Amino acid sequence: MRWFSSRGWVVLVALVFALFSCSDSGDSPPVEDTSQPPVDTAPPPVDTAPPPADTAPSPVDTAPPPEDTTSSEPAPVQSKATYEVKVTPKVVYAQGLTHSGWGADDGVPMDLILDVYEPIGAPATDKPVLFIVHGGGFKSGSPTQGQLVQWANFFTARGFVCFSIDYRVAKFYGTIPANWPTDPEEVQPGMSLDQLNALYTSGRDAKAALRWVRAHADDYGIHKEAIAAMGGSAGAFLVLMLGVSDEADYGTELTEAEDPTLSGLHMDESAKVGAVVDLWGGTGLLDALEVLDGKDRFDATDAPIAIIHGTQDEAVPFEEAEQIKAKYDATGVPYTYNPLDAGHGAWGEKIDGKKLHEYGFGFVVEHLALTEIP
């Protein structure tokens, strides 16, 4: 106790003094801590976990697929009568002007019509077509001609759609180009001026009808590239023209100012056919074009043709068949040549034991490359 009472007080006083001397009075700045943090020399941990899976769905491509430009195959046809035939008569395919005479300035539009034959129960799409054109010397004629109705029913019952057309003949005095040939003898000996002028109007109408058929392909379920044409006499002149002429022929020689009915002719569609059955026809429409511009229309792009002609024909001489054959020999396009021991309009004749419509059916099936079901 003596030690604390004398020496202990001294130590106590010294401690108190030291405490007051080292305390922060609030006026002196804080002492900066200059010491460095310890350096972490250990290597960083390696992340060995796999990256999280990307579960977000991939973006959906909403752009439409590229258009498939591959043409479908024509529907098959039957070798025997299989389908019921539906006939729709007098369907309007276009209009054309009729006048009181050639070159008269009093044109009035008239409806141009065709009859449609459809096979009931046949495939809904891509059916082949037979395009039928009547005769009559470019003076008369009708799609209701008995032999043409027979052809239409025969083909339609086997899966074709048939279109049998009417067109303006000479008595309607249609519009013709100002530079159309005026000398019938220069085009075809024995032809009248009325017939020469009617070559243009009938050719223009036949092409208008064929373009209408293509423009309505969806309506009738037809294949645009499987179209054949047949005709007798003047009708054969016209279907030969369809198989040989250029697209622009019998359609662009007039302006809409000269013939306002041209505006509805579906000129964006083709007027070509894939096969032709020529029954005692001739080259008159093609001869007129050559006189017009000096160009021979026959070439290697023409449609294959079945040439059927009576050697005793006095209305359209057999020499016409020989001329067509010579043209096809020169171009190398396939054809068959069938002289008949008969005169004009020999509908009752046979070729290799087949009736003409039976022979024509086989020719068309072959040259349109159709599948025929027995």
Protein backbone atom coordinates (compact mmCIF):
# COMPACT_ATOMS: atom_id res chain seq x y z
CA MET A 1 0.00 0.00 0.00
CA ARG A 2 2.89 2.36 0.73
CA TRP A 3 4.23 1.69 -2.79
CA PHE A 4 0.85 2.64 -4.35
CA SER A 5 0.36 5.62 -2.16
CA SER A 6 3.61 7.28 -3.12
CA ARG A 7 4.97 5.76 -6.31
CA GLY A 8 1.53 4.54 -7.63
CA TRP A 9 0.11 8.02 -7.71
CA VAL A 10 2.98 9.14 -9.87
CA VAL A 11 2.29 6.34 -12.39
CA LEU A 12 -1.43 7.10 -12.34
CA VAL A 13 -0.89 10.75 -13.06
CA ALA A 14 1.48 9.90 -15.92
CA LEU A 15 -1.05 7.59 -17.50
CA VAL A 16 -3.83 10.16 -17.34
CA PHE A 17 -1.61 12.77 -18.92
CA ALA A 18 -0.69 10.42 -21.74
CA LEU A 19 -4.32 9.69 -22.43
CA PHE A 20 -5.21 13.35 -22.77
CA SER A 21 -2.20 14.00 -24.98
CA CYS A 22 -3.05 11.22 -27.49
CA SER A 23 -6.84 11.80 -27.66
CA ASP A 24 -8.41 13.44 -30.85
CA SER A 25 -9.53 16.90 -29.85
CA GLY A 26 -11.50 17.34 -33.17
CA ASP A 27 -9.15 20.08 -34.48
CA SER A 28 -6.22 18.04 -35.78
CA PRO A 29 -6.46 16.27 -39.17
CA PRO A 30 -6.86 12.55 -39.22
CA VAL A 31 -3.72 10.59 -39.55
CA GLU A 32 -3.45 9.13 -43.09
CA ASP A 33 -3.13 5.42 -43.15
CA THR A 34 -0.24 4.87 -45.58
CA SER A 35 0.02 1.22 -45.02
CA GLN A 36 -0.64 -0.96 -48.16
CA PRO A 37 -3.25 -3.70 -48.12
CA PRO A 38 -1.85 -7.13 -48.27
CA VAL A 39 -1.18 -8.33 -51.84
CA ASP A 40 -3.25 -11.34 -52.82
CA THR A 41 -0.74 -13.44 -54.71
CA ALA A 42 -3.00 -16.47 -54.97
CA PRO A 43 -4.17 -17.22 -58.62
CA PRO A 44 -7.82 -16.48 -59.34
CA PRO A 45 -10.06 -19.48 -59.19
CA VAL A 46 -10.70 -21.11 -62.56
CA ASP A 47 -14.39 -21.24 -63.57
CA THR A 48 -14.78 -24.77 -64.80
CA ALA A 49 -18.59 -24.71 -64.94
CA PRO A 50 -20.07 -24.99 -68.50
CA PRO A 51 -21.67 -21.85 -69.91
CA PRO A 52 -25.41 -21.66 -69.37
CA ALA A 53 -27.42 -23.24 -72.16
CA ASP A 54 -29.14 -20.83 -74.57
CA THR A 55 -32.73 -21.83 -74.12
CA ALA A 56 -34.14 -18.92 -76.09
CA PRO A 57 -35.89 -20.10 -79.30
CA SER A 58 -34.13 -19.36 -82.57
CA PRO A 59 -35.72 -16.56 -84.59
CA VAL A 60 -38.51 -17.70 -86.92
CA ASP A 61 -38.03 -16.88 -90.63
CA THR A 62 -41.35 -15.37 -91.63
CA ALA A 63 -40.29 -14.60 -95.20
CA PRO A 64 -42.34 -16.55 -97.78
CA PRO A 65 -40.55 -19.45 -99.44
CA PRO A 66 -39.18 -18.82 -102.91
CA GLU A 67 -41.75 -19.38 -105.61
CA ASP A 68 -41.66 -22.84 -107.14
CA THR A 69 -41.38 -22.19 -110.85
CA THR A 70 -41.32 -25.86 -111.75
CA SER A 71 -44.31 -26.60 -113.95
CA SER A 72 -46.57 -29.40 -112.76
CA GLU A 73 -47.25 -32.34 -115.02
CA PRO A 74 -50.53 -32.43 -116.95
CA ALA A 75 -53.20 -34.66 -115.47
CA PRO A 76 -53.42 -38.15 -117.00
CA VAL A 77 -56.10 -38.98 -119.53
CA GLN A 78 -58.12 -42.14 -120.00
CA SER A 79 -57.97 -44.41 -123.05
CA LYS A 80 -61.70 -45.16 -122.68
CA ALA A 81 -64.71 -42.93 -122.13
CA THR A 82 -64.72 -42.42 -118.36
CA TYR A 83 -66.24 -39.06 -117.47
CA GLU A 84 -69.62 -37.46 -117.91
CA VAL A 85 -69.46 -34.42 -120.19
CA LYS A 86 -70.77 -31.02 -119.07
CA VAL A 87 -71.38 -28.49 -121.87
CA THR A 88 -71.60 -24.75 -121.26
CA PRO A 89 -72.56 -23.03 -124.53
CA LYS A 90 -71.99 -19.48 -125.74
CA VAL A 91 -69.45 -18.27 -123.20
CA VAL A 92 -68.20 -14.79 -124.17
CA TYR A 93 -64.42 -14.73 -124.60
CA ALA A 94 -63.95 -11.27 -126.15
CA GLN A 95 -65.51 -8.61 -128.34
CA GLY A 96 -64.73 -7.52 -131.88
CA LEU A 97 -65.98 -4.77 -134.13
CA THR A 98 -68.44 -5.37 -136.94
CA HIS A 99 -69.08 -2.82 -139.72
CA SER A 100 -71.44 -2.24 -142.61
CA GLY A 101 -68.56 -2.89 -145.03
CA TRP A 102 -64.78 -3.18 -145.17
CA GLY A 103 -63.23 0.05 -143.93
CA ALA A 104 -66.54 1.63 -142.89
CA ASP A 105 -66.37 4.03 -139.96
CA ASP A 106 -69.38 2.62 -138.11
CA GLY A 107 -67.89 -0.16 -135.98
CA VAL A 108 -70.11 -1.73 -133.33
CA PRO A 109 -68.80 -4.23 -130.74
CA MET A 110 -70.15 -7.78 -130.95
CA ASP A 111 -69.67 -10.61 -128.48
CA LEU A 112 -67.42 -13.48 -129.52
CA ILE A 113 -68.41 -16.82 -128.01
CA LEU A 114 -67.21 -20.37 -127.44
CA ASP A 115 -68.65 -23.60 -126.07
CA VAL A 116 -66.93 -25.31 -123.12
CA TYR A 117 -66.87 -29.10 -122.61
CA GLU A 118 -65.76 -30.24 -119.11
CA PRO A 119 -65.19 -33.79 -117.77
CA ILE A 120 -67.15 -34.35 -114.58
CA GLY A 121 -65.09 -36.27 -112.02
CA ALA A 122 -61.72 -35.74 -113.74
CA PRO A 123 -58.73 -34.35 -111.78
CA ALA A 124 -59.46 -30.88 -110.43
CA THR A 125 -56.35 -29.28 -111.88
CA ASP A 126 -53.88 -29.50 -114.79
CA LYS A 127 -56.26 -31.07 -117.28
CA PRO A 128 -55.11 -30.93 -120.93
CA VAL A 129 -57.03 -28.90 -123.50
CA LEU A 130 -58.30 -29.45 -127.02
CA PHE A 131 -58.97 -26.15 -128.79
CA ILE A 132 -61.48 -26.68 -131.63
CA VAL A 133 -62.02 -24.35 -134.60
CA HIS A 134 -64.83 -24.77 -137.13
CA GLY A 135 -64.60 -24.39 -140.90
CA GLY A 136 -66.83 -22.71 -143.43
CA GLY A 137 -64.55 -21.04 -145.97
CA PHE A 138 -64.29 -17.90 -143.78
CA LYS A 139 -67.88 -17.18 -144.85
CA SER A 140 -69.93 -19.26 -142.41
CA GLY A 141 -69.68 -22.13 -139.92
CA SER A 142 -70.51 -22.91 -136.30
CA PRO A 143 -68.97 -24.63 -133.26
CA THR A 144 -72.12 -26.79 -133.13
CA GLN A 145 -71.11 -28.64 -136.31
CA GLY A 146 -71.83 -32.32 -135.67
CA GLN A 147 -68.32 -33.66 -136.32
CA LEU A 148 -66.78 -31.06 -134.01
CA VAL A 149 -69.23 -31.94 -131.24
CA GLN A 150 -68.21 -35.58 -131.71
CA TRP A 151 -64.51 -34.69 -131.31
CA ALA A 152 -65.27 -32.57 -128.24
CA ASN A 153 -67.29 -35.31 -126.53
CA PHE A 154 -64.70 -37.99 -127.36
CA PHE A 155 -61.80 -36.01 -125.88
CA THR A 156 -63.73 -34.67 -122.88
CA ALA A 157 -64.99 -38.11 -121.83
CA ARG A 158 -61.31 -39.10 -121.55
CA GLY A 159 -60.18 -36.16 -119.40
CA PHE A 160 -59.66 -33.15 -121.68
CA VAL A 161 -61.37 -29.79 -121.38
CA CYS A 162 -62.49 -28.72 -124.86
CA PHE A 163 -63.15 -25.19 -126.08
CA SER A 164 -64.96 -24.94 -129.42
CA ILE A 165 -64.85 -21.37 -130.70
CA ASP A 166 -66.78 -19.09 -133.00
CA TYR A 167 -65.15 -16.12 -134.77
CA ARG A 168 -65.93 -13.29 -137.17
CA VAL A 169 -66.27 -14.46 -140.76
CA ALA A 170 -66.42 -12.22 -143.83
CA LYS A 171 -70.05 -11.11 -143.40
CA PHE A 172 -69.18 -9.23 -140.18
CA TYR A 173 -66.67 -6.92 -141.92
CA GLY A 174 -64.28 -6.71 -139.00
CA THR A 175 -61.46 -4.21 -138.61
CA ILE A 176 -58.35 -4.93 -140.69
CA PRO A 177 -54.95 -3.15 -140.72
CA ALA A 178 -54.42 -0.40 -143.26
CA ASN A 179 -51.46 -2.27 -144.75
CA TRP A 180 -53.21 -5.63 -145.04
CA PRO A 181 -52.68 -7.28 -148.46
CA THR A 182 -55.27 -6.30 -151.07
CA ASP A 183 -54.57 -8.78 -153.86
CA PRO A 184 -55.99 -12.24 -153.07
CA GLU A 185 -54.09 -13.85 -155.93
CA GLU A 186 -50.83 -12.70 -154.37
CA VAL A 187 -51.72 -14.57 -151.19
CA GLN A 188 -53.52 -17.66 -152.47
CA PRO A 189 -54.93 -18.27 -155.96
CA GLY A 190 -58.71 -18.62 -156.03
CA MET A 191 -59.27 -16.69 -152.79
CA SER A 192 -61.79 -13.81 -152.80
CA LEU A 193 -61.16 -10.37 -151.31
CA ASP A 194 -63.77 -11.07 -148.61
CA GLN A 195 -61.92 -14.25 -147.63
CA LEU A 196 -58.56 -12.45 -147.65
CA ASN A 197 -59.85 -9.77 -145.28
CA ALA A 198 -61.57 -12.36 -143.10
CA LEU A 199 -58.22 -14.09 -142.64
CA TYR A 200 -57.21 -11.20 -140.42
CA THR A 201 -60.36 -10.95 -138.30
CA SER A 202 -60.64 -14.72 -137.83
CA GLY A 203 -56.95 -15.00 -136.94
CA ARG A 204 -57.23 -12.19 -134.44
CA ASP A 205 -60.31 -13.83 -132.85
CA ALA A 206 -58.77 -17.31 -132.68
CA LYS A 207 -55.75 -15.93 -130.83
CA ALA A 208 -58.01 -13.89 -128.55
CA ALA A 209 -59.96 -17.05 -127.65
CA LEU A 210 -56.81 -19.03 -126.92
CA ARG A 211 -55.44 -16.27 -124.68
CA TRP A 212 -58.79 -16.15 -122.88
CA VAL A 213 -58.55 -19.90 -122.25
CA ARG A 214 -55.13 -19.48 -120.64
CA ALA A 215 -56.29 -16.48 -118.61
CA HIS A 216 -59.08 -18.68 -117.18
CA ALA A 217 -56.91 -21.72 -116.51
CA ASP A 218 -57.76 -21.74 -112.80
CA ASP A 219 -61.48 -21.53 -113.50
CA TYR A 220 -61.43 -24.68 -115.61
CA GLY A 221 -58.56 -26.53 -113.90
CA ILE A 222 -56.43 -26.74 -117.04
CA HIS A 223 -52.70 -26.98 -117.71
CA LYS A 224 -51.56 -23.94 -119.70
CA GLU A 225 -48.79 -25.82 -121.47
CA ALA A 226 -50.86 -28.86 -122.47
CA ILE A 227 -53.00 -27.35 -125.23
CA ALA A 228 -53.56 -28.88 -128.67
CA ALA A 229 -55.69 -27.48 -131.49
CA MET A 230 -57.73 -29.12 -134.23
CA GLY A 231 -59.77 -27.75 -137.08
CA GLY A 232 -61.26 -28.68 -140.43
CA SER A 233 -61.01 -26.65 -143.65
CA ALA A 234 -60.90 -22.96 -142.66
CA GLY A 235 -60.55 -24.12 -139.06
CA ALA A 236 -57.43 -26.04 -140.07
CA PHE A 237 -56.01 -22.88 -141.69
CA LEU A 238 -56.49 -21.21 -138.30
CA VAL A 239 -55.02 -23.94 -136.09
CA LEU A 240 -51.97 -24.19 -138.40
CA MET A 241 -51.51 -20.46 -137.87
CA LEU A 242 -51.69 -20.98 -134.08
CA GLY A 243 -49.01 -23.64 -134.26
CA VAL A 244 -46.62 -21.67 -136.48
CA SER A 245 -47.08 -17.89 -136.26
CA ASP A 246 -45.24 -15.51 -133.93
CA GLU A 247 -46.91 -14.33 -130.71
CA ALA A 248 -47.35 -10.78 -132.04
CA ASP A 249 -49.09 -11.85 -135.26
CA TYR A 250 -52.83 -11.27 -135.56
CA GLY A 251 -52.96 -9.03 -132.52
CA THR A 252 -50.53 -6.13 -132.69
CA GLU A 253 -51.11 -4.88 -136.25
CA LEU A 254 -53.89 -2.57 -135.03
CA THR A 255 -53.87 0.03 -132.26
CA GLU A 256 -56.54 0.41 -129.59
CA ALA A 257 -57.49 3.70 -131.24
CA GLU A 258 -58.33 1.74 -134.39
CA ASP A 259 -60.00 -1.13 -132.49
CA PRO A 260 -60.92 -0.36 -128.85
CA THR A 261 -61.91 -4.01 -128.28
CA LEU A 262 -58.21 -4.93 -128.28
CA SER A 263 -57.98 -3.78 -124.65
CA GLY A 264 -59.67 -6.96 -123.40
CA LEU A 265 -57.65 -9.60 -125.25
CA HIS A 266 -55.30 -10.81 -122.46
CA MET A 267 -52.22 -9.96 -124.51
CA ASP A 268 -50.03 -11.00 -121.57
CA GLU A 269 -50.98 -14.65 -122.25
CA SER A 270 -49.50 -16.90 -124.93
CA ALA A 271 -51.41 -17.84 -128.09
CA LYS A 272 -49.23 -20.86 -128.96
CA VAL A 273 -50.27 -24.52 -128.96
CA GLY A 274 -48.31 -27.71 -128.37
CA ALA A 275 -49.78 -29.87 -131.14
CA VAL A 276 -51.98 -29.37 -134.22
CA VAL A 277 -54.42 -31.66 -136.03
CA ASP A 278 -54.86 -30.25 -139.55
CA LEU A 279 -57.90 -31.63 -141.38
CA TRP A 280 -57.71 -30.51 -145.04
CA GLY A 281 -56.36 -27.05 -144.26
CA GLY A 282 -53.84 -24.71 -145.84
CA THR A 283 -51.27 -21.98 -145.31
CA GLY A 284 -53.38 -18.92 -146.21
CA LEU A 285 -53.04 -17.03 -142.92
CA LEU A 286 -49.27 -17.56 -142.92
CA ASP A 287 -49.00 -16.62 -146.60
CA ALA A 288 -50.81 -13.33 -145.88
CA LEU A 289 -48.30 -12.52 -143.12
CA GLU A 290 -45.39 -13.23 -145.45
CA VAL A 291 -46.86 -10.89 -148.09
CA LEU A 292 -47.32 -8.30 -145.34
CA ASP A 293 -43.72 -8.24 -144.07
CA GLY A 294 -41.68 -10.67 -146.15
CA LYS A 295 -41.02 -13.10 -143.28
CA ASP A 296 -41.52 -16.86 -143.50
CA ARG A 297 -43.05 -17.94 -140.17
CA PHE A 298 -42.13 -21.65 -140.32
CA ASP A 299 -39.21 -22.52 -138.03
CA ALA A 300 -37.95 -25.12 -135.55
CA THR A 301 -40.18 -23.80 -132.74
CA ASP A 302 -43.42 -24.78 -134.50
CA ALA A 303 -45.91 -27.25 -133.01
CA PRO A 304 -45.88 -30.88 -134.21
CA ILE A 305 -48.66 -31.47 -136.73
CA ALA A 306 -50.83 -34.29 -138.06
CA ILE A 307 -51.52 -33.49 -141.73
CA ILE A 308 -54.75 -35.17 -142.90
CA HIS A 309 -55.96 -34.30 -146.39
CA GLY A 310 -57.92 -35.87 -149.24
CA THR A 311 -55.98 -36.29 -152.44
CA GLN A 312 -59.16 -35.49 -154.42
CA ASP A 313 -59.98 -32.31 -152.51
CA GLU A 314 -61.26 -29.61 -154.86
CA ALA A 315 -62.11 -27.00 -152.21
CA VAL A 316 -58.63 -26.90 -150.63
CA PRO A 317 -56.26 -28.56 -153.12
CA PHE A 318 -54.09 -31.44 -151.89
CA GLU A 319 -51.05 -29.35 -152.85
CA GLU A 320 -51.66 -27.42 -149.64
CA ALA A 321 -50.85 -30.57 -147.63
CA GLU A 322 -47.73 -31.10 -149.71
CA GLN A 323 -46.58 -27.54 -149.03
CA ILE A 324 -47.07 -27.95 -145.27
CA LYS A 325 -45.13 -31.23 -145.37
CA ALA A 326 -42.27 -29.53 -147.26
CA LYS A 327 -42.12 -26.75 -144.67
CA TYR A 328 -41.95 -29.27 -141.82
CA ASP A 329 -39.29 -31.26 -143.65
CA ALA A 330 -37.22 -28.09 -143.82
CA THR A 331 -37.60 -27.19 -140.13
CA GLY A 332 -37.27 -30.71 -138.73
CA VAL A 333 -40.36 -30.42 -136.52
CA PRO A 334 -42.20 -33.76 -136.05
CA TYR A 335 -45.25 -34.43 -138.21
CA THR A 336 -47.36 -37.23 -139.62
CA TYR A 337 -48.52 -37.20 -143.22
CA ASN A 338 -51.83 -38.86 -143.96
CA PRO A 339 -53.14 -38.59 -147.55
CA LEU A 340 -56.71 -39.86 -147.83
CA ASP A 341 -58.31 -41.29 -150.94
CA ALA A 342 -61.14 -38.81 -150.61
CA GLY A 343 -62.33 -35.30 -151.36
CA HIS A 344 -62.95 -32.33 -149.05
CA GLY A 345 -64.47 -32.85 -145.62
CA ALA A 346 -63.59 -36.55 -145.34
CA TRP A 347 -64.79 -36.94 -141.76
CA GLY A 348 -65.79 -40.57 -142.24
CA GLU A 349 -62.34 -41.80 -143.36
CA LYS A 350 -59.94 -43.87 -141.25
CA ILE A 351 -56.19 -43.89 -140.69
CA ASP A 352 -54.61 -47.25 -139.85
CA GLY A 353 -58.08 -48.58 -139.05
CA LYS A 354 -58.86 -45.73 -136.64
CA LYS A 355 -61.56 -43.12 -136.97
CA LEU A 356 -60.14 -39.63 -137.39
CA HIS A 357 -60.98 -38.53 -133.85
CA GLU A 358 -59.36 -41.71 -132.48
CA TYR A 359 -56.23 -41.11 -134.54
CA GLY A 360 -56.20 -37.44 -133.50
CA PHE A 361 -56.49 -38.43 -129.84
CA GLY A 362 -53.42 -40.66 -130.07
CA PHE A 363 -51.42 -37.98 -131.87
CA VAL A 364 -52.29 -35.32 -129.28
CA VAL A 365 -51.56 -37.61 -126.31
CA GLU A 366 -48.14 -38.44 -127.78
CA HIS A 367 -47.07 -34.90 -128.64
CA LEU A 368 -48.35 -33.29 -125.45
CA ALA A 369 -46.46 -36.06 -123.59
CA LEU A 370 -49.58 -37.07 -121.64
CA THR A 371 -49.94 -40.15 -119.48
CA GLU A 372 -52.73 -42.37 -120.79
CA ILE A 373 -54.45 -44.74 -118.39
CA PRO A 374 -55.77 -47.93 -120.09
